[in-house]
Amino acid sequence: MTTFATDTQEAVFTQSVVGLSEVQYSLLISITGIGAITAATTIAFFSKKLSIRFLFGSGLLMTAAGYLLYSFGTSFSMIAAGFVILGFFNSFANTG
């Protein structure tokens, strides 16, 4: 739930602090979606082997790591890596 509340703050941060354009921010959101789709496929493939505890725990931990990478990112590629991690592991946490 907290990640939904930060969406508007992300847009302001990437444009004001990092200096990315609206197009670049939109691309980051698309990249996050690619991470989420990849995670959904991974979870579906390994669903019998992944426990709810693992999904929830690793999802929360790595989502936080993604936010750290994003918040300290100085380039588009670094921020994009953070968004991929966010998209991928946010799916883990939501599934858990």
PDB file of N, CA and C in Angstrom:
ATOM      1  N   MET A   1       0.817  -1.196   0.000  1.00  0.00           N
ATOM      2  CA  MET A   1       0.000   0.000   0.000  1.00  0.00           C
ATOM      3  C   MET A   1       0.865   1.267   0.000  1.00  0.00           C
ATOM      4  N   THR A   2       1.993   1.195   0.684  1.00  0.00           N
ATOM      5  CA  THR A   2       2.832   2.404   0.753  1.00  0.00           C
ATOM      6  C   THR A   2       3.433   2.758  -0.591  1.00  0.00           C
ATOM      7  N   THR A   3       3.648   1.752  -1.451  1.00  0.00           N
ATOM      8  CA  THR A   3       4.233   2.059  -2.752  1.00  0.00           C
ATOM      9  C   THR A   3       3.260   2.823  -3.638  1.00  0.00           C
ATOM     10  N   PHE A   4       1.964   2.609  -3.449  1.00  0.00           N
ATOM     11  CA  PHE A   4       0.994   3.366  -4.238  1.00  0.00           C
ATOM     12  C   PHE A   4       1.019   4.846  -3.867  1.00  0.00           C
ATOM     13  N   ALA A   5       1.262   5.135  -2.605  1.00  0.00           N
ATOM     14  CA  ALA A   5       1.276   6.517  -2.132  1.00  0.00           C
ATOM     15  C   ALA A   5       2.500   7.272  -2.618  1.00  0.00           C
ATOM     16  N   THR A   6       3.535   6.562  -3.004  1.00  0.00           N
ATOM     17  CA  THR A   6       4.765   7.239  -3.420  1.00  0.00           C
ATOM     18  C   THR A   6       4.825   7.528  -4.915  1.00  0.00           C
ATOM     19  N   ASP A   7       3.841   7.097  -5.683  1.00  0.00           N
ATOM     20  CA  ASP A   7       3.868   7.309  -7.132  1.00  0.00           C
ATOM     21  C   ASP A   7       4.007   8.778  -7.512  1.00  0.00           C
ATOM     22  N   THR A   8       3.240   9.650  -6.891  1.00  0.00           N
ATOM     23  CA  THR A   8       3.328  11.073  -7.233  1.00  0.00           C
ATOM     24  C   THR A   8       4.646  11.658  -6.762  1.00  0.00           C
ATOM     25  N   GLN A   9       5.140  11.178  -5.637  1.00  0.00           N
ATOM     26  CA  GLN A   9       6.436  11.648  -5.154  1.00  0.00           C
ATOM     27  C   GLN A   9       7.564  11.205  -6.079  1.00  0.00           C
ATOM     28  N   GLU A  10       7.430  10.013  -6.647  1.00  0.00           N
ATOM     29  CA  GLU A  10       8.425   9.532  -7.608  1.00  0.00           C
ATOM     30  C   GLU A  10       8.504  10.451  -8.810  1.00  0.00           C
ATOM     31  N   ALA A  11       7.362  10.831  -9.321  1.00  0.00           N
ATOM     32  CA  ALA A  11       7.343  11.693 -10.505  1.00  0.00           C
ATOM     33  C   ALA A  11       8.009  13.033 -10.212  1.00  0.00           C
ATOM     34  N   VAL A  12       7.690  13.619  -9.090  1.00  0.00           N
ATOM     35  CA  VAL A  12       8.287  14.904  -8.721  1.00  0.00           C
ATOM     36  C   VAL A  12       9.784  14.744  -8.489  1.00  0.00           C
ATOM     37  N   PHE A  13      10.184  13.684  -7.803  1.00  0.00           N
ATOM     38  CA  PHE A  13      11.597  13.453  -7.515  1.00  0.00           C
ATOM     39  C   PHE A  13      12.404  13.274  -8.798  1.00  0.00           C
ATOM     40  N   THR A  14      11.916  12.431  -9.712  1.00  0.00           N
ATOM     41  CA  THR A  14      12.684  12.170 -10.930  1.00  0.00           C
ATOM     42  C   THR A  14      12.783  13.404 -11.812  1.00  0.00           C
ATOM     43  N   GLN A  15      11.758  14.228 -11.802  1.00  0.00           N
ATOM     44  CA  GLN A  15      11.796  15.416 -12.641  1.00  0.00           C
ATOM     45  C   GLN A  15      12.536  16.567 -11.972  1.00  0.00           C
ATOM     46  N   SER A  16      12.301  16.795 -10.698  1.00  0.00           N
ATOM     47  CA  SER A  16      12.894  17.950 -10.012  1.00  0.00           C
ATOM     48  C   SER A  16      14.330  17.705  -9.565  1.00  0.00           C
ATOM     49  N   VAL A  17      14.572  16.581  -8.922  1.00  0.00           N
ATOM     50  CA  VAL A  17      15.883  16.326  -8.327  1.00  0.00           C
ATOM     51  C   VAL A  17      16.847  15.696  -9.326  1.00  0.00           C
ATOM     52  N   VAL A  18      16.382  14.642  -9.998  1.00  0.00           N
ATOM     53  CA  VAL A  18      17.261  13.927 -10.921  1.00  0.00           C
ATOM     54  C   VAL A  18      17.341  14.633 -12.273  1.00  0.00           C
ATOM     55  N   GLY A  19      16.269  15.303 -12.659  1.00  0.00           N
ATOM     56  CA  GLY A  19      16.264  16.042 -13.910  1.00  0.00           C
ATOM     57  C   GLY A  19      15.815  15.248 -15.124  1.00  0.00           C
ATOM     58  N   LEU A  20      15.063  14.181 -14.897  1.00  0.00           N
ATOM     59  CA  LEU A  20      14.555  13.407 -16.023  1.00  0.00           C
ATOM     60  C   LEU A  20      13.307  14.070 -16.587  1.00  0.00           C
ATOM     61  N   SER A  21      13.078  13.847 -17.863  1.00  0.00           N
ATOM     62  CA  SER A  21      11.893  14.414 -18.503  1.00  0.00           C
ATOM     63  C   SER A  21      10.673  13.530 -18.240  1.00  0.00           C
ATOM     64  N   GLU A  22       9.512  14.016 -18.634  1.00  0.00           N
ATOM     65  CA  GLU A  22       8.282  13.229 -18.486  1.00  0.00           C
ATOM     66  C   GLU A  22       8.347  11.963 -19.330  1.00  0.00           C
ATOM     67  N   VAL A  23       8.958  12.058 -20.485  1.00  0.00           N
ATOM     68  CA  VAL A  23       9.090  10.882 -21.358  1.00  0.00           C
ATOM     69  C   VAL A  23       9.981   9.834 -20.695  1.00  0.00           C
ATOM     70  N   GLN A  24      11.082  10.269 -20.097  1.00  0.00           N
ATOM     71  CA  GLN A  24      11.965   9.329 -19.411  1.00  0.00           C
ATOM     72  C   GLN A  24      11.269   8.693 -18.214  1.00  0.00           C
ATOM     73  N   TYR A  25      10.491   9.467 -17.471  1.00  0.00           N
ATOM     74  CA  TYR A  25       9.749   8.904 -16.348  1.00  0.00           C
ATOM     75  C   TYR A  25       8.725   7.883 -16.839  1.00  0.00           C
ATOM     76  N   SER A  26       8.050   8.189 -17.942  1.00  0.00           N
ATOM     77  CA  SER A  26       7.092   7.235 -18.514  1.00  0.00           C
ATOM     78  C   SER A  26       7.789   5.951 -18.934  1.00  0.00           C
ATOM     79  N   LEU A  27       8.990   6.089 -19.467  1.00  0.00           N
ATOM     80  CA  LEU A  27       9.764   4.913 -19.833  1.00  0.00           C
ATOM     81  C   LEU A  27      10.121   4.093 -18.598  1.00  0.00           C
ATOM     82  N   LEU A  28      10.441   4.758 -17.510  1.00  0.00           N
ATOM     83  CA  LEU A  28      10.738   4.049 -16.258  1.00  0.00           C
ATOM     84  C   LEU A  28       9.529   3.252 -15.775  1.00  0.00           C
ATOM     85  N   ILE A  29       8.353   3.823 -15.902  1.00  0.00           N
ATOM     86  CA  ILE A  29       7.135   3.113 -15.499  1.00  0.00           C
ATOM     87  C   ILE A  29       6.927   1.878 -16.372  1.00  0.00           C
ATOM     88  N   SER A  30       7.215   1.997 -17.658  1.00  0.00           N
ATOM     89  CA  SER A  30       7.122   0.840 -18.557  1.00  0.00           C
ATOM     90  C   SER A  30       8.142  -0.227 -18.177  1.00  0.00           C
ATOM     91  N   ILE A  31       9.335   0.207 -17.816  1.00  0.00           N
ATOM     92  CA  ILE A  31      10.372  -0.724 -17.392  1.00  0.00           C
ATOM     93  C   ILE A  31       9.939  -1.459 -16.124  1.00  0.00           C
ATOM     94  N   THR A  32       9.275  -0.757 -15.234  1.00  0.00           N
ATOM     95  CA  THR A  32       8.758  -1.382 -14.018  1.00  0.00           C
ATOM     96  C   THR A  32       7.754  -2.464 -14.373  1.00  0.00           C
ATOM     97  N   GLY A  33       6.922  -2.206 -15.367  1.00  0.00           N
ATOM     98  CA  GLY A  33       5.952  -3.193 -15.834  1.00  0.00           C
ATOM     99  C   GLY A  33       6.615  -4.432 -16.398  1.00  0.00           C
ATOM    100  N   ILE A  34       7.724  -4.249 -17.100  1.00  0.00           N
ATOM    101  CA  ILE A  34       8.472  -5.392 -17.627  1.00  0.00           C
ATOM    102  C   ILE A  34       8.996  -6.248 -16.477  1.00  0.00           C
ATOM    103  N   GLY A  35       9.488  -5.590 -15.420  1.00  0.00           N
ATOM    104  CA  GLY A  35       9.931  -6.327 -14.234  1.00  0.00           C
ATOM    105  C   GLY A  35       8.797  -7.094 -13.586  1.00  0.00           C
ATOM    106  N   ALA A  36       7.621  -6.488 -13.527  1.00  0.00           N
ATOM    107  CA  ALA A  36       6.457  -7.138 -12.915  1.00  0.00           C
ATOM    108  C   ALA A  36       6.002  -8.346 -13.732  1.00  0.00           C
ATOM    109  N   ILE A  37       6.018  -8.222 -15.048  1.00  0.00           N
ATOM    110  CA  ILE A  37       5.624  -9.343 -15.908  1.00  0.00           C
ATOM    111  C   ILE A  37       6.618 -10.488 -15.785  1.00  0.00           C
ATOM    112  N   THR A  38       7.896 -10.140 -15.724  1.00  0.00           N
ATOM    113  CA  THR A  38       8.931 -11.160 -15.547  1.00  0.00           C
ATOM    114  C   THR A  38       8.754 -11.877 -14.211  1.00  0.00           C
ATOM    115  N   ALA A  39       8.457 -11.122 -13.167  1.00  0.00           N
ATOM    116  CA  ALA A  39       8.238 -11.728 -11.851  1.00  0.00           C
ATOM    117  C   ALA A  39       7.010 -12.619 -11.847  1.00  0.00           C
ATOM    118  N   ALA A  40       5.942 -12.175 -12.479  1.00  0.00           N
ATOM    119  CA  ALA A  40       4.721 -12.990 -12.530  1.00  0.00           C
ATOM    120  C   ALA A  40       4.987 -14.319 -13.220  1.00  0.00           C
ATOM    121  N   THR A  41       5.766 -14.285 -14.279  1.00  0.00           N
ATOM    122  CA  THR A  41       6.127 -15.519 -14.983  1.00  0.00           C
ATOM    123  C   THR A  41       6.979 -16.412 -14.094  1.00  0.00           C
ATOM    124  N   THR A  42       7.937 -15.808 -13.404  1.00  0.00           N
ATOM    125  CA  THR A  42       8.805 -16.569 -12.497  1.00  0.00           C
ATOM    126  C   THR A  42       7.998 -17.204 -11.372  1.00  0.00           C
ATOM    127  N   ILE A  43       7.104 -16.432 -10.780  1.00  0.00           N
ATOM    128  CA  ILE A  43       6.283 -16.944  -9.685  1.00  0.00           C
ATOM    129  C   ILE A  43       5.377 -18.070 -10.171  1.00  0.00           C
ATOM    130  N   ALA A  44       4.797 -17.911 -11.348  1.00  0.00           N
ATOM    131  CA  ALA A  44       3.932 -18.956 -11.887  1.00  0.00           C
ATOM    132  C   ALA A  44       4.719 -20.243 -12.140  1.00  0.00           C
ATOM    133  N   PHE A  45       5.933 -20.098 -12.639  1.00  0.00           N
ATOM    134  CA  PHE A  45       6.757 -21.259 -12.955  1.00  0.00           C
ATOM    135  C   PHE A  45       7.202 -21.998 -11.689  1.00  0.00           C
ATOM    136  N   PHE A  46       7.544 -21.247 -10.643  1.00  0.00           N
ATOM    137  CA  PHE A  46       8.043 -21.840  -9.411  1.00  0.00           C
ATOM    138  C   PHE A  46       7.015 -21.814  -8.266  1.00  0.00           C
ATOM    139  N   SER A  47       5.757 -21.680  -8.572  1.00  0.00           N
ATOM    140  CA  SER A  47       4.737 -21.492  -7.530  1.00  0.00           C
ATOM    141  C   SER A  47       4.687 -22.625  -6.514  1.00  0.00           C
ATOM    142  N   LYS A  48       4.949 -23.817  -6.921  1.00  0.00           N
ATOM    143  CA  LYS A  48       4.906 -24.953  -5.990  1.00  0.00           C
ATOM    144  C   LYS A  48       6.104 -24.958  -5.043  1.00  0.00           C
ATOM    145  N   LYS A  49       7.182 -24.275  -5.427  1.00  0.00           N
ATOM    146  CA  LYS A  49       8.408 -24.319  -4.634  1.00  0.00           C
ATOM    147  C   LYS A  49       8.635 -23.080  -3.780  1.00  0.00           C
ATOM    148  N   LEU A  50       7.878 -22.023  -4.020  1.00  0.00           N
ATOM    149  CA  LEU A  50       8.068 -20.772  -3.281  1.00  0.00           C
ATOM    150  C   LEU A  50       7.010 -20.647  -2.191  1.00  0.00           C
ATOM    151  N   SER A  51       7.466 -20.455  -0.969  1.00  0.00           N
ATOM    152  CA  SER A  51       6.519 -20.307   0.129  1.00  0.00           C
ATOM    153  C   SER A  51       6.003 -18.870   0.190  1.00  0.00           C
ATOM    154  N   ILE A  52       4.866 -18.708   0.817  1.00  0.00           N
ATOM    155  CA  ILE A  52       4.291 -17.379   0.992  1.00  0.00           C
ATOM    156  C   ILE A  52       5.225 -16.509   1.826  1.00  0.00           C
ATOM    157  N   ARG A  53       5.817 -17.095   2.825  1.00  0.00           N
ATOM    158  CA  ARG A  53       6.752 -16.362   3.673  1.00  0.00           C
ATOM    159  C   ARG A  53       7.948 -15.839   2.862  1.00  0.00           C
ATOM    160  N   PHE A  54       8.486 -16.694   1.997  1.00  0.00           N
ATOM    161  CA  PHE A  54       9.612 -16.281   1.161  1.00  0.00           C
ATOM    162  C   PHE A  54       9.199 -15.170   0.209  1.00  0.00           C
ATOM    163  N   LEU A  55       8.052 -15.328  -0.433  1.00  0.00           N
ATOM    164  CA  LEU A  55       7.580 -14.321  -1.385  1.00  0.00           C
ATOM    165  C   LEU A  55       7.394 -12.969  -0.705  1.00  0.00           C
ATOM    166  N   PHE A  56       6.730 -12.981   0.425  1.00  0.00           N
ATOM    167  CA  PHE A  56       6.457 -11.739   1.138  1.00  0.00           C
ATOM    168  C   PHE A  56       7.739 -11.120   1.690  1.00  0.00           C
ATOM    169  N   GLY A  57       8.556 -11.934   2.342  1.00  0.00           N
ATOM    170  CA  GLY A  57       9.786 -11.432   2.943  1.00  0.00           C
ATOM    171  C   GLY A  57      10.779 -10.904   1.920  1.00  0.00           C
ATOM    172  N   SER A  58      11.058 -11.696   0.895  1.00  0.00           N
ATOM    173  CA  SER A  58      12.010 -11.250  -0.123  1.00  0.00           C
ATOM    174  C   SER A  58      11.436 -10.084  -0.919  1.00  0.00           C
ATOM    175  N   GLY A  59      10.129 -10.100  -1.117  1.00  0.00           N
ATOM    176  CA  GLY A  59       9.504  -8.995  -1.844  1.00  0.00           C
ATOM    177  C   GLY A  59       9.651  -7.677  -1.111  1.00  0.00           C
ATOM    178  N   LEU A  60       9.394  -7.676   0.184  1.00  0.00           N
ATOM    179  CA  LEU A  60       9.524  -6.439   0.965  1.00  0.00           C
ATOM    180  C   LEU A  60      10.973  -5.976   1.051  1.00  0.00           C
ATOM    181  N   LEU A  61      11.874  -6.909   1.315  1.00  0.00           N
ATOM    182  CA  LEU A  61      13.290  -6.559   1.446  1.00  0.00           C
ATOM    183  C   LEU A  61      13.861  -6.003   0.142  1.00  0.00           C
ATOM    184  N   MET A  62      13.591  -6.688  -0.946  1.00  0.00           N
ATOM    185  CA  MET A  62      14.166  -6.262  -2.222  1.00  0.00           C
ATOM    186  C   MET A  62      13.447  -5.039  -2.802  1.00  0.00           C
ATOM    187  N   THR A  63      12.172  -4.853  -2.472  1.00  0.00           N
ATOM    188  CA  THR A  63      11.494  -3.622  -2.881  1.00  0.00           C
ATOM    189  C   THR A  63      12.160  -2.431  -2.201  1.00  0.00           C
ATOM    190  N   ALA A  64      12.503  -2.595  -0.940  1.00  0.00           N
ATOM    191  CA  ALA A  64      13.229  -1.535  -0.231  1.00  0.00           C
ATOM    192  C   ALA A  64      14.590  -1.288  -0.880  1.00  0.00           C
ATOM    193  N   ALA A  65      15.266  -2.351  -1.285  1.00  0.00           N
ATOM    194  CA  ALA A  65      16.559  -2.199  -1.961  1.00  0.00           C
ATOM    195  C   ALA A  65      16.390  -1.465  -3.294  1.00  0.00           C
ATOM    196  N   GLY A  66      15.313  -1.770  -3.998  1.00  0.00           N
ATOM    197  CA  GLY A  66      15.031  -1.072  -5.253  1.00  0.00           C
ATOM    198  C   GLY A  66      14.807   0.416  -5.042  1.00  0.00           C
ATOM    199  N   TYR A  67      14.075   0.752  -3.981  1.00  0.00           N
ATOM    200  CA  TYR A  67      13.864   2.163  -3.659  1.00  0.00           C
ATOM    201  C   TYR A  67      15.171   2.852  -3.274  1.00  0.00           C
ATOM    202  N   LEU A  68      16.045   2.151  -2.567  1.00  0.00           N
ATOM    203  CA  LEU A  68      17.343   2.744  -2.221  1.00  0.00           C
ATOM    204  C   LEU A  68      18.172   3.015  -3.472  1.00  0.00           C
ATOM    205  N   LEU A  69      18.214   2.042  -4.374  1.00  0.00           N
ATOM    206  CA  LEU A  69      18.954   2.229  -5.619  1.00  0.00           C
ATOM    207  C   LEU A  69      18.378   3.386  -6.419  1.00  0.00           C
ATOM    208  N   TYR A  70      17.078   3.449  -6.468  1.00  0.00           N
ATOM    209  CA  TYR A  70      16.392   4.534  -7.180  1.00  0.00           C
ATOM    210  C   TYR A  70      16.673   5.889  -6.541  1.00  0.00           C
ATOM    211  N   SER A  71      16.600   5.952  -5.214  1.00  0.00           N
ATOM    212  CA  SER A  71      16.750   7.244  -4.543  1.00  0.00           C
ATOM    213  C   SER A  71      18.181   7.773  -4.599  1.00  0.00           C
ATOM    214  N   PHE A  72      19.149   6.878  -4.684  1.00  0.00           N
ATOM    215  CA  PHE A  72      20.537   7.321  -4.778  1.00  0.00           C
ATOM    216  C   PHE A  72      21.057   7.302  -6.214  1.00  0.00           C
ATOM    217  N   GLY A  73      20.186   7.000  -7.150  1.00  0.00           N
ATOM    218  CA  GLY A  73      20.582   6.942  -8.561  1.00  0.00           C
ATOM    219  C   GLY A  73      20.979   8.305  -9.106  1.00  0.00           C
ATOM    220  N   THR A  74      22.028   8.295  -9.879  1.00  0.00           N
ATOM    221  CA  THR A  74      22.508   9.540 -10.476  1.00  0.00           C
ATOM    222  C   THR A  74      22.376   9.545 -11.987  1.00  0.00           C
ATOM    223  N   SER A  75      21.988   8.419 -12.552  1.00  0.00           N
ATOM    224  CA  SER A  75      21.831   8.336 -14.001  1.00  0.00           C
ATOM    225  C   SER A  75      20.546   7.583 -14.329  1.00  0.00           C
ATOM    226  N   PHE A  76      20.135   7.709 -15.564  1.00  0.00           N
ATOM    227  CA  PHE A  76      18.916   7.023 -15.997  1.00  0.00           C
ATOM    228  C   PHE A  76      19.061   5.514 -15.850  1.00  0.00           C
ATOM    229  N   SER A  77      20.215   4.964 -16.208  1.00  0.00           N
ATOM    230  CA  SER A  77      20.396   3.513 -16.152  1.00  0.00           C
ATOM    231  C   SER A  77      20.370   2.993 -14.715  1.00  0.00           C
ATOM    232  N   MET A  78      20.924   3.756 -13.795  1.00  0.00           N
ATOM    233  CA  MET A  78      20.900   3.354 -12.391  1.00  0.00           C
ATOM    234  C   MET A  78      19.474   3.378 -11.838  1.00  0.00           C
ATOM    235  N   ILE A  79      18.744   4.411 -12.183  1.00  0.00           N
ATOM    236  CA  ILE A  79      17.355   4.515 -11.744  1.00  0.00           C
ATOM    237  C   ILE A  79      16.511   3.425 -12.405  1.00  0.00           C
ATOM    238  N   ALA A  80      16.787   3.139 -13.673  1.00  0.00           N
ATOM    239  CA  ALA A  80      16.056   2.083 -14.377  1.00  0.00           C
ATOM    240  C   ALA A  80      16.283   0.727 -13.699  1.00  0.00           C
ATOM    241  N   ALA A  81      17.512   0.464 -13.253  1.00  0.00           N
ATOM    242  CA  ALA A  81      17.789  -0.785 -12.532  1.00  0.00           C
ATOM    243  C   ALA A  81      16.965  -0.844 -11.249  1.00  0.00           C
ATOM    244  N   GLY A  82      16.866   0.279 -10.545  1.00  0.00           N
ATOM    245  CA  GLY A  82      16.042   0.329  -9.345  1.00  0.00           C
ATOM    246  C   GLY A  82      14.579   0.049  -9.646  1.00  0.00           C
ATOM    247  N   PHE A  83      14.092   0.573 -10.761  1.00  0.00           N
ATOM    248  CA  PHE A  83      12.698   0.359 -11.135  1.00  0.00           C
ATOM    249  C   PHE A  83      12.437  -1.082 -11.560  1.00  0.00           C
ATOM    250  N   VAL A  84      13.413  -1.728 -12.186  1.00  0.00           N
ATOM    251  CA  VAL A  84      13.247  -3.140 -12.537  1.00  0.00           C
ATOM    252  C   VAL A  84      13.140  -3.967 -11.262  1.00  0.00           C
ATOM    253  N   ILE A  85      14.012  -3.673 -10.300  1.00  0.00           N
ATOM    254  CA  ILE A  85      13.960  -4.369  -9.009  1.00  0.00           C
ATOM    255  C   ILE A  85      12.617  -4.103  -8.325  1.00  0.00           C
ATOM    256  N   LEU A  86      12.165  -2.853  -8.373  1.00  0.00           N
ATOM    257  CA  LEU A  86      10.865  -2.516  -7.782  1.00  0.00           C
ATOM    258  C   LEU A  86       9.738  -3.318  -8.413  1.00  0.00           C
ATOM    259  N   GLY A  87       9.691  -3.331  -9.729  1.00  0.00           N
ATOM    260  CA  GLY A  87       8.624  -4.047 -10.418  1.00  0.00           C
ATOM    261  C   GLY A  87       8.661  -5.534 -10.148  1.00  0.00           C
ATOM    262  N   PHE A  88       9.876  -6.104 -10.180  1.00  0.00           N
ATOM    263  CA  PHE A  88      10.016  -7.543 -10.001  1.00  0.00           C
ATOM    264  C   PHE A  88       9.613  -7.955  -8.591  1.00  0.00           C
ATOM    265  N   PHE A  89      10.198  -7.330  -7.592  1.00  0.00           N
ATOM    266  CA  PHE A  89       9.976  -7.787  -6.225  1.00  0.00           C
ATOM    267  C   PHE A  89       8.699  -7.251  -5.600  1.00  0.00           C
ATOM    268  N   ASN A  90       8.130  -6.210  -6.153  1.00  0.00           N
ATOM    269  CA  ASN A  90       6.812  -5.775  -5.691  1.00  0.00           C
ATOM    270  C   ASN A  90       5.783  -6.848  -6.033  1.00  0.00           C
ATOM    271  N   SER A  91       5.966  -7.527  -7.153  1.00  0.00           N
ATOM    272  CA  SER A  91       5.089  -8.642  -7.507  1.00  0.00           C
ATOM    273  C   SER A  91       5.237  -9.793  -6.513  1.00  0.00           C
ATOM    274  N   PHE A  92       6.465 -10.031  -6.075  1.00  0.00           N
ATOM    275  CA  PHE A  92       6.687 -11.077  -5.066  1.00  0.00           C
ATOM    276  C   PHE A  92       5.933 -10.728  -3.781  1.00  0.00           C
ATOM    277  N   ALA A  93       6.078  -9.489  -3.322  1.00  0.00           N
ATOM    278  CA  ALA A  93       5.419  -9.082  -2.072  1.00  0.00           C
ATOM    279  C   ALA A  93       3.900  -9.141  -2.210  1.00  0.00           C
ATOM    280  N   ASN A  94       3.378  -8.690  -3.320  1.00  0.00           N
ATOM    281  CA  ASN A  94       1.922  -8.709  -3.513  1.00  0.00           C
ATOM    282  C   ASN A  94       1.378 -10.121  -3.611  1.00  0.00           C
ATOM    283  N   THR A  95       2.126 -11.028  -4.226  1.00  0.00           N
ATOM    284  CA  THR A  95       1.686 -12.412  -4.305  1.00  0.00           C
ATOM    285  C   THR A  95       1.720 -13.075  -2.943  1.00  0.00           C
ATOM    286  N   GLY A  96       2.772 -12.760  -2.164  1.00  0.00           N
ATOM    287  CA  GLY A  96       2.899 -13.321  -0.806  1.00  0.00           C
ATOM    288  C   GLY A  96       1.774 -12.842   0.066  1.00  0.00           C
TER     289      GLY A  96
END
